[in-house]
């Protein structure tokens, strides 16, 4: 999946209306940053 991120210029992130962190206290942005693994992409 990370190969896709190598080709994008930016990401628009919104919160899914039924998002539930399952007591992890992680927000959608936190999860995205984990997937980016240090790639510098404007969010």
N, C-alpha and C. Protein backbone atom coordinates (compact mmCIF):
# COMPACT_ATOMS: atom_id res chain seq x y z
N UNK A 1 0.82 -1.19 0.00
CA UNK A 1 0.00 0.00 0.00
C UNK A 1 0.87 1.26 0.00
N UNK A 2 2.03 1.17 0.57
CA UNK A 2 2.87 2.36 0.66
C UNK A 2 3.35 2.86 -0.69
N UNK A 3 3.40 1.99 -1.68
CA UNK A 3 3.80 2.43 -3.02
C UNK A 3 2.85 3.50 -3.55
N UNK A 4 1.60 3.42 -3.18
CA UNK A 4 0.60 4.43 -3.58
C UNK A 4 0.99 5.79 -3.01
N UNK A 5 1.43 5.83 -1.75
CA UNK A 5 1.77 7.09 -1.11
C UNK A 5 2.97 7.76 -1.76
N UNK A 6 3.83 6.99 -2.42
CA UNK A 6 4.99 7.56 -3.11
C UNK A 6 4.58 8.44 -4.29
N UNK A 7 3.34 8.28 -4.77
CA UNK A 7 2.90 8.97 -5.97
C UNK A 7 1.95 10.14 -5.72
N UNK A 8 1.53 10.36 -4.48
CA UNK A 8 0.56 11.41 -4.21
C UNK A 8 1.24 12.71 -3.80
N UNK A 9 0.56 13.83 -4.06
CA UNK A 9 1.10 15.14 -3.70
C UNK A 9 0.53 15.64 -2.37
N UNK A 10 -0.60 15.10 -1.95
CA UNK A 10 -1.22 15.51 -0.70
C UNK A 10 -2.39 14.61 -0.37
N UNK A 11 -2.82 14.66 0.88
CA UNK A 11 -3.93 13.82 1.34
C UNK A 11 -4.94 14.71 2.08
N UNK A 12 -6.21 14.54 1.73
CA UNK A 12 -7.28 15.20 2.47
C UNK A 12 -7.91 14.14 3.37
N UNK A 13 -7.92 14.40 4.65
CA UNK A 13 -8.41 13.41 5.61
C UNK A 13 -9.61 13.96 6.35
N UNK A 14 -10.68 13.19 6.39
CA UNK A 14 -11.86 13.54 7.16
C UNK A 14 -12.18 12.41 8.12
N UNK A 15 -12.95 12.72 9.13
CA UNK A 15 -13.32 11.71 10.12
C UNK A 15 -14.60 11.01 9.69
N UNK A 16 -14.55 9.71 9.62
CA UNK A 16 -15.74 8.92 9.30
C UNK A 16 -16.74 9.10 10.43
N UNK A 17 -18.00 9.31 10.11
CA UNK A 17 -18.98 9.64 11.14
C UNK A 17 -19.17 8.54 12.17
N UNK A 18 -18.84 7.30 11.83
CA UNK A 18 -18.99 6.22 12.80
C UNK A 18 -17.64 5.69 13.28
N UNK A 19 -16.60 6.52 13.17
CA UNK A 19 -15.27 6.11 13.63
C UNK A 19 -15.30 5.88 15.14
N UNK A 20 -14.71 4.78 15.56
CA UNK A 20 -14.60 4.48 16.99
C UNK A 20 -13.19 3.97 17.24
N UNK A 21 -12.48 4.58 18.18
CA UNK A 21 -11.07 4.24 18.40
C UNK A 21 -10.86 2.94 19.18
N UNK A 22 -11.95 2.29 19.60
CA UNK A 22 -11.87 1.03 20.34
C UNK A 22 -10.93 1.13 21.53
N UNK A 23 -11.02 2.22 22.24
CA UNK A 23 -10.24 2.53 23.45
C UNK A 23 -8.74 2.67 23.22
N UNK A 24 -8.32 2.89 21.98
CA UNK A 24 -6.89 3.09 21.72
C UNK A 24 -6.50 4.56 21.87
N UNK A 25 -7.48 5.45 21.86
CA UNK A 25 -7.28 6.90 21.93
C UNK A 25 -6.57 7.44 20.68
N UNK A 26 -6.50 6.65 19.62
CA UNK A 26 -5.89 7.11 18.37
C UNK A 26 -6.94 7.77 17.50
N UNK A 27 -6.54 8.86 16.89
CA UNK A 27 -7.39 9.58 15.96
C UNK A 27 -7.06 9.12 14.54
N UNK A 28 -7.95 9.37 13.57
CA UNK A 28 -7.66 8.97 12.19
C UNK A 28 -6.30 9.49 11.69
N UNK A 29 -5.92 10.70 12.08
CA UNK A 29 -4.62 11.24 11.65
C UNK A 29 -3.46 10.39 12.20
N UNK A 30 -3.58 9.93 13.43
CA UNK A 30 -2.54 9.08 14.02
C UNK A 30 -2.37 7.80 13.21
N UNK A 31 -3.49 7.21 12.82
CA UNK A 31 -3.45 5.96 12.05
C UNK A 31 -2.83 6.19 10.68
N UNK A 32 -3.17 7.31 10.04
CA UNK A 32 -2.60 7.62 8.74
C UNK A 32 -1.09 7.83 8.84
N UNK A 33 -0.65 8.57 9.86
CA UNK A 33 0.79 8.81 10.03
C UNK A 33 1.55 7.50 10.24
N UNK A 34 0.94 6.54 10.93
CA UNK A 34 1.59 5.24 11.09
C UNK A 34 1.79 4.58 9.73
N UNK A 35 0.79 4.67 8.86
CA UNK A 35 0.88 4.06 7.54
C UNK A 35 1.88 4.78 6.65
N UNK A 36 2.02 6.08 6.81
CA UNK A 36 2.96 6.84 6.00
C UNK A 36 4.41 6.51 6.34
N UNK A 37 4.64 6.07 7.56
CA UNK A 37 5.96 5.62 8.00
C UNK A 37 7.07 6.60 7.67
N UNK A 38 6.83 7.88 8.00
CA UNK A 38 7.86 8.91 7.83
C UNK A 38 7.83 9.65 6.50
N UNK A 39 7.00 9.23 5.55
CA UNK A 39 6.90 9.96 4.28
C UNK A 39 6.36 11.36 4.54
N UNK A 40 6.96 12.34 3.93
CA UNK A 40 6.55 13.72 4.09
C UNK A 40 5.53 14.10 3.03
N UNK A 41 4.26 13.94 3.35
CA UNK A 41 3.16 14.28 2.44
C UNK A 41 2.26 15.27 3.17
N UNK A 42 1.93 16.40 2.54
CA UNK A 42 1.01 17.34 3.18
C UNK A 42 -0.37 16.70 3.43
N UNK A 43 -0.86 16.92 4.62
CA UNK A 43 -2.18 16.36 5.00
C UNK A 43 -3.11 17.51 5.31
